[in-house]
Protein backbone atom coordinates (compact mmCIF):
# COMPACT_ATOMS: atom_id res chain seq x y z
CA UNK A 1 0.02 0.00 -0.01
CA UNK A 2 2.82 2.45 0.98
CA UNK A 3 4.66 1.60 -2.24
CA UNK A 4 1.59 2.19 -4.45
CA UNK A 5 0.82 5.52 -2.64
CA UNK A 6 4.37 6.73 -3.18
CA UNK A 7 4.24 5.65 -6.89
CA UNK A 8 1.16 7.89 -7.43
CA UNK A 9 2.54 10.78 -5.44
CA UNK A 10 5.89 10.63 -7.13
CA UNK A 11 4.34 10.44 -10.67
CA UNK A 12 2.34 13.53 -9.81
CA UNK A 13 5.39 15.32 -8.44
CA UNK A 14 7.40 14.50 -11.54
CA UNK A 15 4.75 16.10 -13.69
CA UNK A 16 4.61 19.13 -11.37
CA UNK A 17 8.51 19.37 -11.49
CA UNK A 18 8.46 19.28 -15.29
CA UNK A 19 5.89 22.06 -15.43
CA UNK A 20 7.70 24.14 -12.86
CA UNK A 21 10.97 23.60 -14.58
CA UNK A 22 9.45 24.46 -17.96
CA UNK A 23 8.21 27.79 -16.59
CA UNK A 24 11.74 28.55 -15.38
CA UNK A 25 13.29 27.70 -18.78
CA UNK A 26 10.83 29.69 -20.74
CA UNK A 27 11.78 32.70 -18.80
CA UNK A 28 15.51 32.08 -19.30
CA UNK A 29 15.97 29.57 -22.09
CA UNK A 30 19.39 27.74 -22.35
CA UNK A 31 20.77 29.53 -19.32
CA UNK A 32 24.01 27.99 -18.00
CA UNK A 33 22.39 27.00 -14.69
CA UNK A 34 18.99 25.79 -15.89
CA UNK A 35 19.90 22.11 -15.64
CA UNK A 36 21.21 22.51 -12.04
CA UNK A 37 18.20 24.50 -10.91
CA UNK A 38 15.57 22.21 -12.53
CA UNK A 39 17.47 19.26 -11.01
CA UNK A 40 17.05 20.83 -7.55
CA UNK A 41 13.18 20.90 -8.16
CA UNK A 42 13.22 17.17 -8.85
CA UNK A 43 15.64 16.37 -6.00
CA UNK A 44 12.91 17.40 -3.55
CA UNK A 45 11.13 14.20 -4.53
CA UNK A 46 13.42 12.21 -2.24
CA UNK A 47 11.68 13.84 0.72
CA UNK A 48 8.39 12.42 -0.48
CA UNK A 49 10.12 9.05 -0.49
CA UNK A 50 11.81 9.58 2.92
CA UNK A 51 15.29 8.88 1.49
CA UNK A 52 18.21 10.44 3.21
CA UNK A 53 21.03 11.31 0.88
CA UNK A 54 24.44 12.43 2.09
CA UNK A 55 26.97 14.03 -0.23
CA UNK A 56 30.45 13.36 1.17
CA UNK A 57 32.17 16.07 -0.86
CA UNK A 58 31.76 18.60 -3.65
CA UNK A 59 32.89 18.65 -7.23
CA UNK A 60 36.68 18.98 -7.43
CA UNK A 61 36.36 21.37 -10.34
CA UNK A 62 33.47 23.42 -9.09
CA UNK A 63 31.52 24.94 -11.97
CA UNK A 64 34.42 24.47 -14.33
CA UNK A 65 34.43 22.22 -17.47
CA UNK A 66 34.65 18.48 -17.11
CA UNK A 67 32.97 15.31 -18.37
CA UNK A 68 31.06 13.90 -15.33
CA UNK A 69 30.21 10.18 -15.41
CA UNK A 70 27.89 8.52 -12.91
CA UNK A 71 26.42 5.06 -12.14
CA UNK A 72 22.82 4.73 -13.54
CA UNK A 73 20.72 2.45 -11.38
CA UNK A 74 16.89 2.93 -11.75
CA UNK A 75 14.06 5.41 -12.07
CA UNK A 76 14.80 6.81 -8.57
CA UNK A 77 17.90 8.46 -9.96
CA UNK A 78 16.00 11.36 -11.25
CA UNK A 79 15.04 12.19 -7.67
CA UNK A 80 18.10 11.13 -5.78
CA UNK A 81 21.01 12.15 -8.07
CA UNK A 82 20.20 15.82 -9.03
CA UNK A 83 21.32 17.26 -5.68
CA UNK A 84 24.96 16.59 -6.70
CA UNK A 85 24.91 18.56 -10.03
CA UNK A 86 27.10 21.62 -10.14
CA UNK A 87 26.26 24.71 -12.10
CA UNK A 88 27.14 25.33 -15.76
CA UNK A 89 26.39 21.79 -16.77
CA UNK A 90 24.43 20.03 -19.50
CA UNK A 91 23.25 16.46 -19.54
CA UNK A 92 23.90 14.21 -22.60
CA UNK A 93 20.67 12.36 -23.40
CA UNK A 94 19.48 10.08 -26.13
CA UNK A 95 17.57 11.81 -28.94
CA UNK A 96 14.32 9.84 -28.12
CA UNK A 97 13.97 11.92 -24.89
CA UNK A 98 12.75 14.88 -27.00
CA UNK A 99 9.53 13.01 -27.77
CA UNK A 100 8.47 12.67 -24.07
CA UNK A 101 5.61 15.16 -23.53
CA UNK A 102 6.66 18.24 -21.45
CA UNK A 103 9.89 16.64 -20.19
CA UNK A 104 11.36 16.57 -23.73
CA UNK A 105 10.76 20.30 -24.20
CA UNK A 106 12.10 21.05 -20.67
CA UNK A 107 15.22 19.02 -21.34
CA UNK A 108 15.89 21.05 -24.51
CA UNK A 109 15.19 24.47 -23.09
CA UNK A 110 17.27 23.71 -20.00
CA UNK A 111 20.27 23.61 -22.42
CA UNK A 112 20.91 19.86 -22.41
CA UNK A 113 22.33 18.04 -25.47
CA UNK A 114 20.58 15.37 -27.50
CA UNK A 115 22.64 12.63 -29.16
CA UNK A 116 21.66 9.92 -31.68
CA UNK A 117 23.34 6.66 -30.46
CA UNK A 118 21.91 4.55 -33.28
CA UNK A 119 24.98 4.72 -35.60
CA UNK A 120 27.82 3.18 -33.71
CA UNK A 121 30.14 3.40 -36.72
CA UNK A 122 30.08 7.13 -36.46
CA UNK A 123 30.49 7.34 -32.67
CA UNK A 124 33.74 9.28 -32.80
CA UNK A 125 32.41 11.81 -35.32
CA UNK A 126 29.27 12.25 -33.22
CA UNK A 127 31.33 12.95 -30.08
CA UNK A 128 33.52 15.33 -32.02
CA UNK A 129 30.50 17.34 -32.96
CA UNK A 130 29.35 17.37 -29.30
CA UNK A 131 32.89 18.38 -28.22
CA UNK A 132 32.63 21.39 -30.53
CA UNK A 133 29.37 22.38 -28.82
CA UNK A 134 30.81 21.95 -25.37
CA UNK A 135 33.90 24.06 -26.25
CA UNK A 136 31.73 26.79 -27.70
CA UNK A 137 29.44 26.90 -24.74
CA UNK A 138 32.11 26.42 -22.08
CA UNK A 139 29.98 24.04 -20.09
CA UNK A 140 30.46 20.68 -18.31
CA UNK A 141 28.62 17.57 -19.32
CA UNK A 142 27.03 14.78 -17.38
CA UNK A 143 26.76 11.28 -18.87
CA UNK A 144 25.68 7.82 -17.74
CA UNK A 145 28.42 5.68 -19.38
CA UNK A 146 26.56 2.45 -18.88
CA UNK A 147 24.02 3.70 -21.43
CA UNK A 148 20.99 2.22 -19.47
CA UNK A 149 19.80 1.55 -15.92
CA UNK A 150 21.52 -1.40 -14.24
CA UNK A 151 18.30 -2.34 -12.23
CA UNK A 152 20.19 -4.07 -9.43
CA UNK A 153 22.76 -5.85 -11.63
CA UNK A 154 25.66 -3.76 -10.45
CA UNK A 155 27.93 -1.50 -12.50
CA UNK A 156 27.40 -2.43 -16.13
CA UNK A 157 30.13 -2.30 -18.87
CA UNK A 158 30.82 1.22 -20.08
CA UNK A 159 30.13 2.52 -23.50
CA UNK A 160 32.85 4.59 -25.22
CA UNK A 161 30.93 7.82 -25.82
CA UNK A 162 31.75 9.75 -22.65
CA UNK A 163 35.36 8.99 -22.88
CA UNK A 164 35.59 9.78 -26.62
CA UNK A 165 33.99 13.11 -25.73
CA UNK A 166 36.38 13.88 -22.87
CA UNK A 167 39.46 13.14 -25.12
CA UNK A 168 38.09 15.09 -28.03
CA UNK A 169 37.17 18.10 -25.85
CA UNK A 170 40.37 17.90 -23.90
CA UNK A 171 38.54 17.73 -20.57
CA UNK A 172 39.08 15.66 -17.49
CA UNK A 173 36.69 12.91 -16.50
CA UNK A 174 35.18 13.37 -13.10
CA UNK A 175 33.37 10.21 -11.74
CA UNK A 176 30.60 10.68 -9.33
CA UNK A 177 29.35 7.53 -7.52
CA UNK A 178 26.23 6.61 -5.54
CA UNK A 179 25.81 3.74 -3.12
CA UNK A 180 23.73 0.82 -4.40
CA UNK A 181 20.04 1.75 -4.15
CA UNK A 182 18.90 -1.85 -4.70
CA UNK A 183 20.67 -2.86 -1.50
CA UNK A 184 19.90 0.15 0.58
CA UNK A 185 16.50 1.54 -0.46
CA UNK A 186 13.17 -0.16 0.28
CA UNK A 187 10.06 1.95 -0.69
CA UNK A 188 7.77 -0.38 1.19
CA UNK A 189 9.20 1.01 4.48
CA UNK A 190 8.31 4.38 5.96
CA UNK A 191 12.01 5.28 6.25
CA UNK A 192 13.05 4.04 2.83
CA UNK A 193 16.81 4.11 3.38
CA UNK A 194 19.99 6.10 2.84
CA UNK A 195 22.17 7.06 -0.13
CA UNK A 196 25.81 8.11 0.01
CA UNK A 197 27.51 9.98 -2.87
CA UNK A 198 30.93 11.04 -3.64
CA UNK A 199 32.96 12.78 -6.31
CA UNK A 200 36.27 11.01 -7.24
CA UNK A 201 39.45 12.79 -8.31
CA UNK A 202 39.51 14.02 -11.92
CA UNK A 203 41.15 11.76 -14.47
CA UNK A 204 43.22 13.73 -16.96
CA UNK A 205 42.93 13.17 -20.73
CA UNK A 206 45.94 15.20 -21.62
CA UNK A 207 47.90 13.56 -24.37
CA UNK A 208 45.29 10.91 -25.10
CA UNK A 209 43.82 10.12 -28.53
CA UNK A 210 41.14 7.91 -30.08
CA UNK A 211 43.19 4.77 -29.24
CA UNK A 212 43.03 5.53 -25.56
CA UNK A 213 39.22 5.56 -25.31
CA UNK A 214 38.92 1.91 -24.20
CA UNK A 215 41.74 2.16 -21.65
CA UNK A 216 40.22 5.35 -20.17
CA UNK A 217 36.78 3.73 -19.90
CA UNK A 218 38.15 0.64 -18.11
CA UNK A 219 40.26 2.75 -15.73
CA UNK A 220 37.30 4.92 -14.88
CA UNK A 221 35.03 1.92 -14.33
CA UNK A 222 37.53 0.19 -12.04
CA UNK A 223 37.74 3.34 -9.85
CA UNK A 224 33.94 3.75 -9.74
CA UNK A 225 33.36 0.10 -8.80
CA UNK A 226 35.84 0.39 -5.99
CA UNK A 227 34.27 3.54 -4.66
CA UNK A 228 30.71 2.23 -4.90
CA UNK A 229 31.78 -0.86 -2.91
CA UNK A 230 33.37 1.48 -0.29
CA UNK A 231 30.14 3.48 0.04
CA UNK A 232 28.06 0.28 0.49
CA UNK A 233 30.36 -0.82 3.22
CA UNK A 234 29.97 2.54 4.90
CA UNK A 235 26.20 2.19 4.86
CA UNK A 236 26.30 -1.36 6.11
CA UNK A 237 28.39 -0.29 9.06
CA UNK A 238 25.79 2.28 10.00
């Protein structure tokens, strides 16, 4: 019963958040902080779920340019993760998002970037085009390198896009990790659980080229997996 009630309330809040965010973006379309400020609206949803999130640190580059990569777990991410977003950031999302009523328009007006992932043969060219946009705008970018939600399966293999973009744009990769929600969150309980999050140290892409994409992806994934395990241990100890 509690889970069903929360599902209804959260769906309603998501629609409310989209409308409120859309109003903000209509007033100041493509503003450098639209994504962060709209994310704050959605992050209030975790209070409706009675989820406690603790951020252990702040971005090591502040509002500067970087390619942020995070672990993508489930639909709760949209309410739990946004509290960690810095300013001057755009989210890289699949092109199909533009067709979601209200949200697609909000995503675009907030200044986020759509990408067509269907043509894998042109992945490097696609990221080169995104890199030019990022350089021109002087913004940071947030990407889920797994490409889909893991749904309790742990950290999935990484796709190359985020790392090709980082190398092409000449920007560091900044991993941001969240404790495992499938282990620590239960929406059937009044107190649903806790989430810990942490930024890791930036990984420089200086001197790297197209041939280094796979190595950079593997290095980043190893560091993120280790950090996620550490956060889960912290929560278990509490």
